[in-house]
Amino acid sequence: MEKQDEHIPGQALSPQKEAPPPSYTAAPNQPPQTTLIIREASQPMPSDYMIFACVVIWLCPGSLICGLVAFFCSMKVKSAYNAGDYDGALAASKQAKLWSIIGVVLGIVDVITGIVVTILMIVLAAAAAATAAASFGDVLGDLNDLNDLNNDLNDNYQLSNWWWT
């Protein structure tokens, strides 16, 4: 049986021999190795619709989220194309175009809704003003009637005061 090295607490460990560290030496007067990858540009980069997305962001504030999604999709087009993923770049291009179109449609709907609501508010305000004017005329007529009644009562009071004196 072989004797195993046992460590007893409180005792120093016996020094063990370690392997020397590996040495690294560079070859003299040689430039570092570089790899150049040449990719054949068989297909042009798809349109990124970046300008379209920026127009949606700036001119259609009601659809800002759609414009931002289109903007990020348009940024993915260039990165995917540069990474060599033409299919991913094409898919991101289609998404950027789709979100930009959705943003424009929502922006147009937003503008039309704003115009309709504004016209509706103007019409309702005019109707309320006309109703208030008619009601005010009725109130003025009632006040005139009350004023006539008051004048009649004053005349009768003066007559009755004359009678008692």
C-alpha atoms as a PDB file:
ATOM      1  CA  MET A   1       0.000   0.000   0.000  1.00  0.00           C
ATOM      2  CA  GLU A   2       1.197   3.448  -0.869  1.00  0.00           C
ATOM      3  CA  LYS A   3       1.451   6.069   1.736  1.00  0.00           C
ATOM      4  CA  GLN A   4      -0.814   9.008   1.102  1.00  0.00           C
ATOM      5  CA  ASP A   5       0.191  12.501   2.024  1.00  0.00           C
ATOM      6  CA  GLU A   6      -2.067  13.639   4.785  1.00  0.00           C
ATOM      7  CA  HIS A   7      -2.300  17.177   5.981  1.00  0.00           C
ATOM      8  CA  ILE A   8      -2.542  17.638   9.682  1.00  0.00           C
ATOM      9  CA  PRO A   9      -4.051  20.969  10.766  1.00  0.00           C
ATOM     10  CA  GLY A  10      -1.521  23.369  12.228  1.00  0.00           C
ATOM     11  CA  GLN A  11       1.388  21.918  10.282  1.00  0.00           C
ATOM     12  CA  ALA A  12       2.975  23.621   7.321  1.00  0.00           C
ATOM     13  CA  LEU A  13       2.379  22.091   3.956  1.00  0.00           C
ATOM     14  CA  SER A  14       5.342  20.512   2.349  1.00  0.00           C
ATOM     15  CA  PRO A  15       6.507  22.434  -0.671  1.00  0.00           C
ATOM     16  CA  GLN A  16       5.496  20.828  -3.921  1.00  0.00           C
ATOM     17  CA  LYS A  17       7.279  21.257  -7.119  1.00  0.00           C
ATOM     18  CA  GLU A  18       5.363  23.270  -9.667  1.00  0.00           C
ATOM     19  CA  ALA A  19       5.861  23.141 -13.375  1.00  0.00           C
ATOM     20  CA  PRO A  20       7.665  26.196 -14.731  1.00  0.00           C
ATOM     21  CA  PRO A  21       5.383  28.718 -16.447  1.00  0.00           C
ATOM     22  CA  PRO A  22       5.302  28.432 -20.208  1.00  0.00           C
ATOM     23  CA  SER A  23       7.389  30.949 -22.046  1.00  0.00           C
ATOM     24  CA  TYR A  24       5.986  32.946 -24.882  1.00  0.00           C
ATOM     25  CA  THR A  25       8.324  34.287 -27.438  1.00  0.00           C
ATOM     26  CA  ALA A  26       7.432  36.195 -30.551  1.00  0.00           C
ATOM     27  CA  ALA A  27       9.079  35.496 -33.808  1.00  0.00           C
ATOM     28  CA  PRO A  28      11.521  38.304 -34.489  1.00  0.00           C
ATOM     29  CA  ASN A  29      10.667  40.970 -37.088  1.00  0.00           C
ATOM     30  CA  GLN A  30       7.327  39.471 -38.127  1.00  0.00           C
ATOM     31  CA  PRO A  31       4.165  41.568 -38.287  1.00  0.00           C
ATOM     32  CA  PRO A  32       1.082  40.250 -36.476  1.00  0.00           C
ATOM     33  CA  GLN A  33      -1.122  37.930 -38.459  1.00  0.00           C
ATOM     34  CA  THR A  34      -4.246  39.531 -39.937  1.00  0.00           C
ATOM     35  CA  THR A  35      -7.066  37.918 -41.795  1.00  0.00           C
ATOM     36  CA  LEU A  36      -8.816  39.765 -44.570  1.00  0.00           C
ATOM     37  CA  ILE A  37     -12.232  38.509 -45.545  1.00  0.00           C
ATOM     38  CA  ILE A  38     -13.358  39.568 -48.965  1.00  0.00           C
ATOM     39  CA  ARG A  39     -17.039  39.184 -49.551  1.00  0.00           C
ATOM     40  CA  GLU A  40     -18.399  39.281 -53.017  1.00  0.00           C
ATOM     41  CA  ALA A  41     -21.182  41.838 -53.201  1.00  0.00           C
ATOM     42  CA  SER A  42     -23.621  39.764 -55.154  1.00  0.00           C
ATOM     43  CA  GLN A  43     -26.690  41.644 -53.971  1.00  0.00           C
ATOM     44  CA  PRO A  44     -26.995  45.332 -53.161  1.00  0.00           C
ATOM     45  CA  MET A  45     -28.037  46.436 -49.694  1.00  0.00           C
ATOM     46  CA  PRO A  46     -31.822  46.690 -49.389  1.00  0.00           C
ATOM     47  CA  SER A  47     -33.320  50.117 -48.770  1.00  0.00           C
ATOM     48  CA  ASP A  48     -33.293  50.963 -45.087  1.00  0.00           C
ATOM     49  CA  TYR A  49     -36.151  53.543 -45.236  1.00  0.00           C
ATOM     50  CA  MET A  50     -34.313  55.641 -42.636  1.00  0.00           C
ATOM     51  CA  ILE A  51     -35.546  58.952 -44.072  1.00  0.00           C
ATOM     52  CA  PHE A  52     -39.110  57.646 -44.257  1.00  0.00           C
ATOM     53  CA  ALA A  53     -38.918  56.603 -40.581  1.00  0.00           C
ATOM     54  CA  CYS A  54     -37.506  60.017 -39.569  1.00  0.00           C
ATOM     55  CA  VAL A  55     -40.318  61.798 -41.452  1.00  0.00           C
ATOM     56  CA  VAL A  56     -42.874  59.687 -39.576  1.00  0.00           C
ATOM     57  CA  ILE A  57     -41.204  60.518 -36.250  1.00  0.00           C
ATOM     58  CA  TRP A  58     -41.148  64.289 -36.916  1.00  0.00           C
ATOM     59  CA  LEU A  59     -44.371  64.865 -38.858  1.00  0.00           C
ATOM     60  CA  CYS A  60     -46.736  62.318 -37.326  1.00  0.00           C
ATOM     61  CA  PRO A  61     -46.493  62.838 -33.556  1.00  0.00           C
ATOM     62  CA  GLY A  62     -49.646  60.787 -32.996  1.00  0.00           C
ATOM     63  CA  SER A  63     -47.787  57.737 -34.293  1.00  0.00           C
ATOM     64  CA  LEU A  64     -44.417  58.338 -32.666  1.00  0.00           C
ATOM     65  CA  ILE A  65     -44.110  54.716 -31.517  1.00  0.00           C
ATOM     66  CA  CYS A  66     -44.554  53.420 -35.063  1.00  0.00           C
ATOM     67  CA  GLY A  67     -41.895  55.848 -36.263  1.00  0.00           C
ATOM     68  CA  LEU A  68     -39.449  54.714 -33.586  1.00  0.00           C
ATOM     69  CA  VAL A  69     -40.020  51.041 -34.412  1.00  0.00           C
ATOM     70  CA  ALA A  70     -39.455  51.830 -38.094  1.00  0.00           C
ATOM     71  CA  PHE A  71     -36.273  53.730 -37.207  1.00  0.00           C
ATOM     72  CA  PHE A  72     -34.820  50.802 -35.247  1.00  0.00           C
ATOM     73  CA  CYS A  73     -35.771  48.355 -38.006  1.00  0.00           C
ATOM     74  CA  SER A  74     -34.009  50.588 -40.539  1.00  0.00           C
ATOM     75  CA  MET A  75     -30.877  50.525 -38.367  1.00  0.00           C
ATOM     76  CA  LYS A  76     -31.007  46.711 -38.356  1.00  0.00           C
ATOM     77  CA  VAL A  77     -30.897  46.679 -42.179  1.00  0.00           C
ATOM     78  CA  LYS A  78     -27.360  48.037 -42.379  1.00  0.00           C
ATOM     79  CA  SER A  79     -26.012  45.955 -39.498  1.00  0.00           C
ATOM     80  CA  ALA A  80     -27.505  42.737 -40.865  1.00  0.00           C
ATOM     81  CA  TYR A  81     -26.199  43.467 -44.361  1.00  0.00           C
ATOM     82  CA  ASN A  82     -22.701  44.246 -43.049  1.00  0.00           C
ATOM     83  CA  ALA A  83     -22.768  40.994 -41.073  1.00  0.00           C
ATOM     84  CA  GLY A  84     -23.476  39.117 -44.312  1.00  0.00           C
ATOM     85  CA  ASP A  85     -27.098  38.319 -43.472  1.00  0.00           C
ATOM     86  CA  TYR A  86     -28.859  39.450 -46.634  1.00  0.00           C
ATOM     87  CA  ASP A  87     -32.126  37.721 -45.729  1.00  0.00           C
ATOM     88  CA  GLY A  88     -32.150  39.397 -42.308  1.00  0.00           C
ATOM     89  CA  ALA A  89     -31.434  42.765 -43.926  1.00  0.00           C
ATOM     90  CA  LEU A  90     -34.275  42.239 -46.393  1.00  0.00           C
ATOM     91  CA  ALA A  91     -36.677  41.278 -43.591  1.00  0.00           C
ATOM     92  CA  ALA A  92     -35.658  44.336 -41.528  1.00  0.00           C
ATOM     93  CA  SER A  93     -36.140  46.532 -44.606  1.00  0.00           C
ATOM     94  CA  LYS A  94     -39.665  45.224 -45.105  1.00  0.00           C
ATOM     95  CA  GLN A  95     -40.446  45.790 -41.414  1.00  0.00           C
ATOM     96  CA  ALA A  96     -39.109  49.353 -41.558  1.00  0.00           C
ATOM     97  CA  LYS A  97     -41.277  50.087 -44.593  1.00  0.00           C
ATOM     98  CA  LEU A  98     -44.353  48.489 -43.003  1.00  0.00           C
ATOM     99  CA  TRP A  99     -44.013  50.404 -39.723  1.00  0.00           C
ATOM    100  CA  SER A 100     -43.415  53.664 -41.590  1.00  0.00           C
ATOM    101  CA  ILE A 101     -46.579  53.170 -43.655  1.00  0.00           C
ATOM    102  CA  ILE A 102     -48.566  52.304 -40.521  1.00  0.00           C
ATOM    103  CA  GLY A 103     -47.222  55.469 -38.894  1.00  0.00           C
ATOM    104  CA  VAL A 104     -48.253  57.635 -41.865  1.00  0.00           C
ATOM    105  CA  VAL A 105     -51.754  56.125 -41.927  1.00  0.00           C
ATOM    106  CA  LEU A 106     -52.174  56.657 -38.187  1.00  0.00           C
ATOM    107  CA  GLY A 107     -50.847  60.201 -38.562  1.00  0.00           C
ATOM    108  CA  ILE A 108     -53.422  60.961 -41.274  1.00  0.00           C
ATOM    109  CA  VAL A 109     -56.194  59.458 -39.131  1.00  0.00           C
ATOM    110  CA  ASP A 110     -54.948  61.586 -36.211  1.00  0.00           C
ATOM    111  CA  VAL A 111     -55.092  64.786 -38.280  1.00  0.00           C
ATOM    112  CA  ILE A 112     -58.561  63.998 -39.665  1.00  0.00           C
ATOM    113  CA  THR A 113     -59.832  63.190 -36.169  1.00  0.00           C
ATOM    114  CA  GLY A 114     -58.429  66.478 -34.881  1.00  0.00           C
ATOM    115  CA  ILE A 115     -60.154  68.433 -37.657  1.00  0.00           C
ATOM    116  CA  VAL A 116     -63.495  66.678 -37.078  1.00  0.00           C
ATOM    117  CA  VAL A 117     -63.324  67.218 -33.305  1.00  0.00           C
ATOM    118  CA  THR A 118     -62.451  70.897 -33.793  1.00  0.00           C
ATOM    119  CA  ILE A 119     -65.368  71.445 -36.182  1.00  0.00           C
ATOM    120  CA  LEU A 120     -67.693  69.578 -33.823  1.00  0.00           C
ATOM    121  CA  MET A 121     -66.575  71.757 -30.895  1.00  0.00           C
ATOM    122  CA  ILE A 122     -67.167  74.937 -32.914  1.00  0.00           C
ATOM    123  CA  VAL A 123     -70.660  73.798 -33.937  1.00  0.00           C
ATOM    124  CA  LEU A 124     -71.545  72.817 -30.371  1.00  0.00           C
ATOM    125  CA  ALA A 125     -70.218  76.114 -29.022  1.00  0.00           C
ATOM    126  CA  ALA A 126     -72.302  78.050 -31.573  1.00  0.00           C
ATOM    127  CA  ALA A 127     -75.405  76.035 -30.673  1.00  0.00           C
ATOM    128  CA  ALA A 128     -74.788  76.629 -26.982  1.00  0.00           C
ATOM    129  CA  ALA A 129     -74.327  80.365 -27.609  1.00  0.00           C
ATOM    130  CA  ALA A 130     -77.567  80.520 -29.606  1.00  0.00           C
ATOM    131  CA  THR A 131     -79.436  78.656 -26.892  1.00  0.00           C
ATOM    132  CA  ALA A 132     -77.988  80.921 -24.240  1.00  0.00           C
ATOM    133  CA  ALA A 133     -78.951  84.030 -26.232  1.00  0.00           C
ATOM    134  CA  ALA A 134     -82.522  82.775 -26.628  1.00  0.00           C
ATOM    135  CA  SER A 135     -82.699  81.959 -22.936  1.00  0.00           C
ATOM    136  CA  PHE A 136     -81.247  85.350 -22.104  1.00  0.00           C
ATOM    137  CA  GLY A 137     -83.928  86.979 -24.260  1.00  0.00           C
ATOM    138  CA  ASP A 138     -86.608  85.093 -22.361  1.00  0.00           C
ATOM    139  CA  VAL A 139     -85.059  86.165 -19.085  1.00  0.00           C
ATOM    140  CA  LEU A 140     -84.964  89.786 -20.260  1.00  0.00           C
ATOM    141  CA  GLY A 141     -88.624  89.524 -21.252  1.00  0.00           C
ATOM    142  CA  ASP A 142     -89.481  88.132 -17.838  1.00  0.00           C
ATOM    143  CA  LEU A 143     -87.515  90.942 -16.201  1.00  0.00           C
ATOM    144  CA  ASN A 144     -89.444  93.502 -18.232  1.00  0.00           C
ATOM    145  CA  ASP A 145     -92.696  91.889 -17.120  1.00  0.00           C
ATOM    146  CA  LEU A 146     -91.533  92.048 -13.507  1.00  0.00           C
ATOM    147  CA  ASN A 147     -90.530  95.666 -13.963  1.00  0.00           C
ATOM    148  CA  ASP A 148     -93.991  96.486 -15.341  1.00  0.00           C
ATOM    149  CA  LEU A 149     -95.585  94.696 -12.406  1.00  0.00           C
ATOM    150  CA  ASN A 150     -93.399  96.638 -10.029  1.00  0.00           C
ATOM    151  CA  ASN A 151     -94.361  99.908 -11.658  1.00  0.00           C
ATOM    152  CA  ASP A 152     -98.034  98.983 -11.398  1.00  0.00           C
ATOM    153  CA  LEU A 153     -97.642  98.140  -7.738  1.00  0.00           C
ATOM    154  CA  ASN A 154     -95.821 101.403  -7.100  1.00  0.00           C
ATOM    155  CA  ASP A 155     -98.564 103.345  -8.824  1.00  0.00           C
ATOM    156  CA  ASN A 156    -101.212 101.566  -6.755  1.00  0.00           C
ATOM    157  CA  TYR A 157     -99.233 102.153  -3.580  1.00  0.00           C
ATOM    158  CA  GLN A 158     -98.998 105.831  -4.309  1.00  0.00           C
ATOM    159  CA  LEU A 159    -102.730 105.928  -4.959  1.00  0.00           C
ATOM    160  CA  SER A 160    -103.439 104.102  -1.761  1.00  0.00           C
ATOM    161  CA  ASN A 161    -101.203 106.462   0.160  1.00  0.00           C
ATOM    162  CA  TRP A 162    -103.123 109.371  -1.319  1.00  0.00           C
ATOM    163  CA  TRP A 163    -106.386 107.783  -0.308  1.00  0.00           C
ATOM    164  CA  TRP A 164    -105.404 107.406   3.320  1.00  0.00           C
ATOM    165  CA  THR A 165    -104.116 110.871   3.711  1.00  0.00           C
END
